[in-house]
PDB file of N, CA and C in Angstrom:
ATOM      1  N   UNK A   1      31.538  -8.517  15.159  1.00  0.00           N
ATOM      2  CA  UNK A   1      30.268  -8.833  14.518  1.00  0.00           C
ATOM      3  C   UNK A   1      29.845  -7.632  13.680  1.00  0.00           C
ATOM      4  N   UNK A   2      29.507  -7.883  12.434  1.00  0.00           N
ATOM      5  CA  UNK A   2      29.153  -6.780  11.539  1.00  0.00           C
ATOM      6  C   UNK A   2      27.660  -6.683  11.276  1.00  0.00           C
ATOM      7  N   UNK A   3      26.889  -7.627  11.760  1.00  0.00           N
ATOM      8  CA  UNK A   3      25.447  -7.585  11.543  1.00  0.00           C
ATOM      9  C   UNK A   3      24.779  -6.641  12.525  1.00  0.00           C
ATOM     10  N   UNK A   4      23.707  -6.031  12.086  1.00  0.00           N
ATOM     11  CA  UNK A   4      22.931  -5.151  12.959  1.00  0.00           C
ATOM     12  C   UNK A   4      22.028  -6.028  13.821  1.00  0.00           C
ATOM     13  N   UNK A   5      21.969  -5.736  15.101  1.00  0.00           N
ATOM     14  CA  UNK A   5      21.186  -6.558  16.029  1.00  0.00           C
ATOM     15  C   UNK A   5      19.677  -6.381  15.854  1.00  0.00           C
ATOM     16  N   UNK A   6      19.245  -5.220  15.407  1.00  0.00           N
ATOM     17  CA  UNK A   6      17.808  -4.990  15.252  1.00  0.00           C
ATOM     18  C   UNK A   6      17.368  -5.318  13.827  1.00  0.00           C
ATOM     19  N   UNK A   7      16.121  -5.735  13.663  1.00  0.00           N
ATOM     20  CA  UNK A   7      15.627  -6.060  12.321  1.00  0.00           C
ATOM     21  C   UNK A   7      15.478  -4.799  11.472  1.00  0.00           C
ATOM     22  N   UNK A   8      15.538  -4.993  10.173  1.00  0.00           N
ATOM     23  CA  UNK A   8      15.361  -3.880   9.234  1.00  0.00           C
ATOM     24  C   UNK A   8      13.885  -3.480   9.182  1.00  0.00           C
ATOM     25  N   UNK A   9      13.601  -2.214   9.414  1.00  0.00           N
ATOM     26  CA  UNK A   9      12.231  -1.714   9.329  1.00  0.00           C
ATOM     27  C   UNK A   9      12.210  -0.660   8.229  1.00  0.00           C
ATOM     28  N   UNK A  10      11.494  -0.975   7.170  1.00  0.00           N
ATOM     29  CA  UNK A  10      11.448  -0.055   6.043  1.00  0.00           C
ATOM     30  C   UNK A  10      10.239   0.865   6.146  1.00  0.00           C
ATOM     31  N   UNK A  11      10.338   1.970   5.462  1.00  0.00           N
ATOM     32  CA  UNK A  11       9.201   2.869   5.320  1.00  0.00           C
ATOM     33  C   UNK A  11       8.897   2.936   3.828  1.00  0.00           C
ATOM     34  N   UNK A  12       7.932   2.130   3.383  1.00  0.00           N
ATOM     35  CA  UNK A  12       7.627   2.114   1.952  1.00  0.00           C
ATOM     36  C   UNK A  12       6.991   3.422   1.517  1.00  0.00           C
ATOM     37  N   UNK A  13       7.162   3.748   0.254  1.00  0.00           N
ATOM     38  CA  UNK A  13       6.563   4.971  -0.278  1.00  0.00           C
ATOM     39  C   UNK A  13       5.060   4.858  -0.380  1.00  0.00           C
ATOM     40  N   UNK A  14       4.546   3.632  -0.561  1.00  0.00           N
ATOM     41  CA  UNK A  14       3.109   3.413  -0.764  1.00  0.00           C
ATOM     42  C   UNK A  14       2.517   2.743   0.466  1.00  0.00           C
ATOM     43  N   UNK A  15       1.454   3.361   0.997  1.00  0.00           N
ATOM     44  CA  UNK A  15       0.688   2.769   2.100  1.00  0.00           C
ATOM     45  C   UNK A  15      -0.758   2.626   1.619  1.00  0.00           C
ATOM     46  N   UNK A  16      -1.305   1.422   1.779  1.00  0.00           N
ATOM     47  CA  UNK A  16      -2.704   1.178   1.437  1.00  0.00           C
ATOM     48  C   UNK A  16      -3.413   0.892   2.756  1.00  0.00           C
ATOM     49  N   UNK A  17      -4.282   1.802   3.159  1.00  0.00           N
ATOM     50  CA  UNK A  17      -4.924   1.716   4.464  1.00  0.00           C
ATOM     51  C   UNK A  17      -6.112   0.757   4.445  1.00  0.00           C
ATOM     52  N   UNK A  18      -6.673   0.495   5.632  1.00  0.00           N
ATOM     53  CA  UNK A  18      -7.744  -0.502   5.766  1.00  0.00           C
ATOM     54  C   UNK A  18      -8.969  -0.133   4.943  1.00  0.00           C
ATOM     55  N   UNK A  19      -9.788  -1.136   4.681  1.00  0.00           N
ATOM     56  CA  UNK A  19     -11.008  -0.965   3.884  1.00  0.00           C
ATOM     57  C   UNK A  19     -11.979  -0.034   4.607  1.00  0.00           C
ATOM     58  N   UNK A  20     -12.504   0.914   3.850  1.00  0.00           N
ATOM     59  CA  UNK A  20     -13.492   1.859   4.356  1.00  0.00           C
ATOM     60  C   UNK A  20     -14.865   1.473   3.804  1.00  0.00           C
ATOM     61  N   UNK A  21     -15.899   1.574   4.629  1.00  0.00           N
ATOM     62  CA  UNK A  21     -17.232   1.239   4.118  1.00  0.00           C
ATOM     63  C   UNK A  21     -17.667   2.251   3.065  1.00  0.00           C
ATOM     64  N   UNK A  22     -18.357   1.773   2.098  1.00  0.00           N
ATOM     65  CA  UNK A  22     -18.850   2.645   1.030  1.00  0.00           C
ATOM     66  C   UNK A  22     -19.518   1.785  -0.019  1.00  0.00           C
ATOM     67  N   UNK A  23     -20.030   2.431  -1.040  1.00  0.00           N
ATOM     68  CA  UNK A  23     -20.652   1.707  -2.143  1.00  0.00           C
ATOM     69  C   UNK A  23     -19.953   2.125  -3.428  1.00  0.00           C
ATOM     70  N   UNK A  24     -18.951   1.397  -3.874  1.00  0.00           N
ATOM     71  CA  UNK A  24     -18.359   0.210  -3.265  1.00  0.00           C
ATOM     72  C   UNK A  24     -17.335   0.584  -2.181  1.00  0.00           C
ATOM     73  N   UNK A  25     -16.920  -0.407  -1.385  1.00  0.00           N
ATOM     74  CA  UNK A  25     -15.887  -0.154  -0.371  1.00  0.00           C
ATOM     75  C   UNK A  25     -14.584   0.285  -1.053  1.00  0.00           C
ATOM     76  N   UNK A  26     -13.727   0.974  -0.318  1.00  0.00           N
ATOM     77  CA  UNK A  26     -12.476   1.471  -0.893  1.00  0.00           C
ATOM     78  C   UNK A  26     -11.385   1.471   0.169  1.00  0.00           C
ATOM     79  N   UNK A  27     -10.164   1.645  -0.299  1.00  0.00           N
ATOM     80  CA  UNK A  27      -9.014   1.788   0.590  1.00  0.00           C
ATOM     81  C   UNK A  27      -8.286   3.061   0.208  1.00  0.00           C
ATOM     82  N   UNK A  28      -7.894   3.834   1.189  1.00  0.00           N
ATOM     83  CA  UNK A  28      -7.145   5.063   0.940  1.00  0.00           C
ATOM     84  C   UNK A  28      -5.699   4.695   0.651  1.00  0.00           C
ATOM     85  N   UNK A  29      -5.133   5.332  -0.378  1.00  0.00           N
ATOM     86  CA  UNK A  29      -3.739   5.109  -0.746  1.00  0.00           C
ATOM     87  C   UNK A  29      -2.959   6.375  -0.437  1.00  0.00           C
ATOM     88  N   UNK A  30      -1.862   6.207   0.270  1.00  0.00           N
ATOM     89  CA  UNK A  30      -0.940   7.306   0.555  1.00  0.00           C
ATOM     90  C   UNK A  30       0.375   7.029  -0.158  1.00  0.00           C
ATOM     91  N   UNK A  31       0.943   8.071  -0.722  1.00  0.00           N
ATOM     92  CA  UNK A  31       2.280   7.996  -1.289  1.00  0.00           C
ATOM     93  C   UNK A  31       3.106   9.085  -0.632  1.00  0.00           C
ATOM     94  N   UNK A  32       4.233   8.666  -0.075  1.00  0.00           N
ATOM     95  CA  UNK A  32       5.119   9.579   0.652  1.00  0.00           C
ATOM     96  C   UNK A  32       4.366  10.348   1.732  1.00  0.00           C
ATOM     97  N   UNK A  33       3.409   9.679   2.384  1.00  0.00           N
ATOM     98  CA  UNK A  33       2.674  10.270   3.496  1.00  0.00           C
ATOM     99  C   UNK A  33       1.527  11.174   3.115  1.00  0.00           C
ATOM    100  N   UNK A  34       1.231  11.276   1.818  1.00  0.00           N
ATOM    101  CA  UNK A  34       0.154  12.145   1.342  1.00  0.00           C
ATOM    102  C   UNK A  34      -0.949  11.283   0.731  1.00  0.00           C
ATOM    103  N   UNK A  35      -2.202  11.527   1.141  1.00  0.00           N
ATOM    104  CA  UNK A  35      -3.323  10.798   0.560  1.00  0.00           C
ATOM    105  C   UNK A  35      -3.469  11.178  -0.907  1.00  0.00           C
ATOM    106  N   UNK A  36      -3.471  10.159  -1.777  1.00  0.00           N
ATOM    107  CA  UNK A  36      -3.525  10.444  -3.210  1.00  0.00           C
ATOM    108  C   UNK A  36      -4.768   9.903  -3.906  1.00  0.00           C
ATOM    109  N   UNK A  37      -5.411   8.874  -3.324  1.00  0.00           N
ATOM    110  CA  UNK A  37      -6.621   8.368  -3.980  1.00  0.00           C
ATOM    111  C   UNK A  37      -7.375   7.407  -3.082  1.00  0.00           C
ATOM    112  N   UNK A  38      -8.593   7.102  -3.523  1.00  0.00           N
ATOM    113  CA  UNK A  38      -9.404   6.039  -2.941  1.00  0.00           C
ATOM    114  C   UNK A  38      -9.375   4.899  -3.948  1.00  0.00           C
ATOM    115  N   UNK A  39      -8.729   3.800  -3.577  1.00  0.00           N
ATOM    116  CA  UNK A  39      -8.601   2.654  -4.480  1.00  0.00           C
ATOM    117  C   UNK A  39      -9.727   1.664  -4.241  1.00  0.00           C
ATOM    118  N   UNK A  40     -10.216   1.104  -5.317  1.00  0.00           N
ATOM    119  CA  UNK A  40     -11.266   0.092  -5.231  1.00  0.00           C
ATOM    120  C   UNK A  40     -10.767  -1.270  -5.680  1.00  0.00           C
ATOM    121  N   UNK A  41      -9.476  -1.349  -5.992  1.00  0.00           N
ATOM    122  CA  UNK A  41      -8.867  -2.606  -6.396  1.00  0.00           C
ATOM    123  C   UNK A  41      -7.374  -2.421  -6.623  1.00  0.00           C
ATOM    124  N   UNK A  42      -6.703  -3.528  -6.877  1.00  0.00           N
ATOM    125  CA  UNK A  42      -5.251  -3.514  -7.083  1.00  0.00           C
ATOM    126  C   UNK A  42      -4.862  -2.627  -8.259  1.00  0.00           C
ATOM    127  N   UNK A  43      -5.665  -2.644  -9.305  1.00  0.00           N
ATOM    128  CA  UNK A  43      -5.356  -1.841 -10.490  1.00  0.00           C
ATOM    129  C   UNK A  43      -5.246  -0.363 -10.140  1.00  0.00           C
ATOM    130  N   UNK A  44      -6.141   0.128  -9.282  1.00  0.00           N
ATOM    131  CA  UNK A  44      -6.081   1.534  -8.861  1.00  0.00           C
ATOM    132  C   UNK A  44      -4.758   1.841  -8.158  1.00  0.00           C
ATOM    133  N   UNK A  45      -4.295   0.918  -7.324  1.00  0.00           N
ATOM    134  CA  UNK A  45      -3.033   1.114  -6.607  1.00  0.00           C
ATOM    135  C   UNK A  45      -1.876   1.191  -7.598  1.00  0.00           C
ATOM    136  N   UNK A  46      -1.853   0.283  -8.555  1.00  0.00           N
ATOM    137  CA  UNK A  46      -0.775   0.272  -9.546  1.00  0.00           C
ATOM    138  C   UNK A  46      -0.805   1.519 -10.429  1.00  0.00           C
ATOM    139  N   UNK A  47      -2.002   1.955 -10.802  1.00  0.00           N
ATOM    140  CA  UNK A  47      -2.111   3.139 -11.655  1.00  0.00           C
ATOM    141  C   UNK A  47      -1.650   4.398 -10.941  1.00  0.00           C
ATOM    142  N   UNK A  48      -2.054   4.581  -9.685  1.00  0.00           N
ATOM    143  CA  UNK A  48      -1.644   5.790  -8.969  1.00  0.00           C
ATOM    144  C   UNK A  48      -0.141   5.756  -8.682  1.00  0.00           C
ATOM    145  N   UNK A  49       0.415   4.571  -8.452  1.00  0.00           N
ATOM    146  CA  UNK A  49       1.857   4.462  -8.264  1.00  0.00           C
ATOM    147  C   UNK A  49       2.587   4.899  -9.531  1.00  0.00           C
ATOM    148  N   UNK A  50       2.108   4.435 -10.677  1.00  0.00           N
ATOM    149  CA  UNK A  50       2.735   4.797 -11.952  1.00  0.00           C
ATOM    150  C   UNK A  50       2.664   6.299 -12.205  1.00  0.00           C
ATOM    151  N   UNK A  51       1.525   6.910 -11.883  1.00  0.00           N
ATOM    152  CA  UNK A  51       1.378   8.359 -12.056  1.00  0.00           C
ATOM    153  C   UNK A  51       2.422   9.112 -11.225  1.00  0.00           C
ATOM    154  N   UNK A  52       2.779   8.543 -10.071  1.00  0.00           N
ATOM    155  CA  UNK A  52       3.769   9.172  -9.195  1.00  0.00           C
ATOM    156  C   UNK A  52       5.188   8.670  -9.461  1.00  0.00           C
ATOM    157  N   UNK A  53       5.376   7.968 -10.575  1.00  0.00           N
ATOM    158  CA  UNK A  53       6.711   7.534 -10.978  1.00  0.00           C
ATOM    159  C   UNK A  53       7.246   6.331 -10.231  1.00  0.00           C
ATOM    160  N   UNK A  54       6.362   5.537  -9.624  1.00  0.00           N
ATOM    161  CA  UNK A  54       6.786   4.363  -8.871  1.00  0.00           C
ATOM    162  C   UNK A  54       6.413   3.117  -9.663  1.00  0.00           C
ATOM    163  N   UNK A  55       7.405   2.293  -9.958  1.00  0.00           N
ATOM    164  CA  UNK A  55       7.159   1.022 -10.616  1.00  0.00           C
ATOM    165  C   UNK A  55       7.062  -0.051  -9.547  1.00  0.00           C
ATOM    166  N   UNK A  56       5.924  -0.729  -9.497  1.00  0.00           N
ATOM    167  CA  UNK A  56       5.713  -1.792  -8.510  1.00  0.00           C
ATOM    168  C   UNK A  56       5.856  -3.129  -9.221  1.00  0.00           C
ATOM    169  N   UNK A  57       6.897  -3.873  -8.849  1.00  0.00           N
ATOM    170  CA  UNK A  57       7.114  -5.192  -9.447  1.00  0.00           C
ATOM    171  C   UNK A  57       6.551  -6.307  -8.573  1.00  0.00           C
ATOM    172  N   UNK A  58       6.446  -6.046  -7.258  1.00  0.00           N
ATOM    173  CA  UNK A  58       5.981  -7.072  -6.328  1.00  0.00           C
ATOM    174  C   UNK A  58       5.099  -6.414  -5.269  1.00  0.00           C
ATOM    175  N   UNK A  59       3.796  -6.642  -5.356  1.00  0.00           N
ATOM    176  CA  UNK A  59       2.853  -6.055  -4.400  1.00  0.00           C
ATOM    177  C   UNK A  59       2.996  -6.644  -3.001  1.00  0.00           C
ATOM    178  N   UNK A  60       3.726  -7.739  -2.872  1.00  0.00           N
ATOM    179  CA  UNK A  60       3.935  -8.361  -1.569  1.00  0.00           C
ATOM    180  C   UNK A  60       5.248  -7.930  -0.915  1.00  0.00           C
ATOM    181  N   UNK A  61       6.000  -7.050  -1.558  1.00  0.00           N
ATOM    182  CA  UNK A  61       7.277  -6.586  -1.009  1.00  0.00           C
ATOM    183  C   UNK A  61       7.012  -5.460  -0.016  1.00  0.00           C
ATOM    184  N   UNK A  62       7.237  -5.699   1.288  1.00  0.00           N
ATOM    185  CA  UNK A  62       6.947  -4.666   2.295  1.00  0.00           C
ATOM    186  C   UNK A  62       7.852  -3.441   2.192  1.00  0.00           C
ATOM    187  N   UNK A  63       8.935  -3.514   1.419  1.00  0.00           N
ATOM    188  CA  UNK A  63       9.771  -2.341   1.194  1.00  0.00           C
ATOM    189  C   UNK A  63       9.168  -1.421   0.139  1.00  0.00           C
ATOM    190  N   UNK A  64       8.174  -1.930  -0.602  1.00  0.00           N
ATOM    191  CA  UNK A  64       7.538  -1.159  -1.665  1.00  0.00           C
ATOM    192  C   UNK A  64       6.137  -0.697  -1.258  1.00  0.00           C
ATOM    193  N   UNK A  65       5.324  -1.642  -0.742  1.00  0.00           N
ATOM    194  CA  UNK A  65       3.932  -1.351  -0.382  1.00  0.00           C
ATOM    195  C   UNK A  65       3.653  -1.900   1.012  1.00  0.00           C
ATOM    196  N   UNK A  66       3.038  -1.092   1.858  1.00  0.00           N
ATOM    197  CA  UNK A  66       2.558  -1.585   3.153  1.00  0.00           C
ATOM    198  C   UNK A  66       1.042  -1.641   3.099  1.00  0.00           C
ATOM    199  N   UNK A  67       0.493  -2.840   3.337  1.00  0.00           N
ATOM    200  CA  UNK A  67      -0.946  -3.074   3.355  1.00  0.00           C
ATOM    201  C   UNK A  67      -1.396  -3.056   4.803  1.00  0.00           C
ATOM    202  N   UNK A  68      -2.277  -2.132   5.177  1.00  0.00           N
ATOM    203  CA  UNK A  68      -2.753  -1.988   6.550  1.00  0.00           C
ATOM    204  C   UNK A  68      -4.180  -2.541   6.622  1.00  0.00           C
ATOM    205  N   UNK A  69      -4.421  -3.425   7.563  1.00  0.00           N
ATOM    206  CA  UNK A  69      -5.773  -3.961   7.733  1.00  0.00           C
ATOM    207  C   UNK A  69      -6.159  -4.989   6.697  1.00  0.00           C
ATOM    208  N   UNK A  70      -5.195  -5.689   6.174  1.00  0.00           N
ATOM    209  CA  UNK A  70      -5.455  -6.725   5.174  1.00  0.00           C
ATOM    210  C   UNK A  70      -4.336  -6.748   4.156  1.00  0.00           C
ATOM    211  N   UNK A  71      -4.461  -7.623   3.186  1.00  0.00           N
ATOM    212  CA  UNK A  71      -3.437  -7.717   2.156  1.00  0.00           C
ATOM    213  C   UNK A  71      -3.978  -7.198   0.833  1.00  0.00           C
ATOM    214  N   UNK A  72      -3.250  -7.485  -0.246  1.00  0.00           N
ATOM    215  CA  UNK A  72      -3.644  -6.966  -1.558  1.00  0.00           C
ATOM    216  C   UNK A  72      -4.979  -7.522  -2.057  1.00  0.00           C
ATOM    217  N   UNK A  73      -5.450  -8.601  -1.439  1.00  0.00           N
ATOM    218  CA  UNK A  73      -6.730  -9.195  -1.860  1.00  0.00           C
ATOM    219  C   UNK A  73      -7.892  -8.788  -0.960  1.00  0.00           C
ATOM    220  N   UNK A  74      -7.645  -7.940   0.031  1.00  0.00           N
ATOM    221  CA  UNK A  74      -8.678  -7.516   0.968  1.00  0.00           C
ATOM    222  C   UNK A  74      -9.321  -6.219   0.475  1.00  0.00           C
ATOM    223  N   UNK A  75     -10.538  -6.337  -0.034  1.00  0.00           N
ATOM    224  CA  UNK A  75     -11.244  -5.160  -0.558  1.00  0.00           C
ATOM    225  C   UNK A  75     -12.667  -5.034  -0.043  1.00  0.00           C
ATOM    226  N   UNK A  76     -13.045  -5.889   0.915  1.00  0.00           N
ATOM    227  CA  UNK A  76     -14.361  -5.803   1.538  1.00  0.00           C
ATOM    228  C   UNK A  76     -14.185  -5.619   3.041  1.00  0.00           C
ATOM    229  N   UNK A  77     -15.037  -4.804   3.680  1.00  0.00           N
ATOM    230  CA  UNK A  77     -14.916  -4.622   5.130  1.00  0.00           C
ATOM    231  C   UNK A  77     -15.268  -5.912   5.864  1.00  0.00           C
ATOM    232  N   UNK A  78     -14.669  -6.079   7.023  1.00  0.00           N
ATOM    233  CA  UNK A  78     -14.930  -7.293   7.837  1.00  0.00           C
ATOM    234  C   UNK A  78     -16.178  -7.130   8.642  1.00  0.00           C
TER     235      UNK A  78
END
């Protein structure tokens, strides 16, 4: 058998953490484990990725972006 028994677990370069309360609310973005910005929308995530040389073609690809505490459309605290 040539298949690996355990599932593939990726570590994406971009992590978007849960919504933080604020006016307006924001999400912290980490790239390569370093906090790089407070994003207030998807555009902020894409712009900071581009500044760091990362091209994001699919925001739903867990190998590229990990969304913590919600998905790409979650921008308000629960």
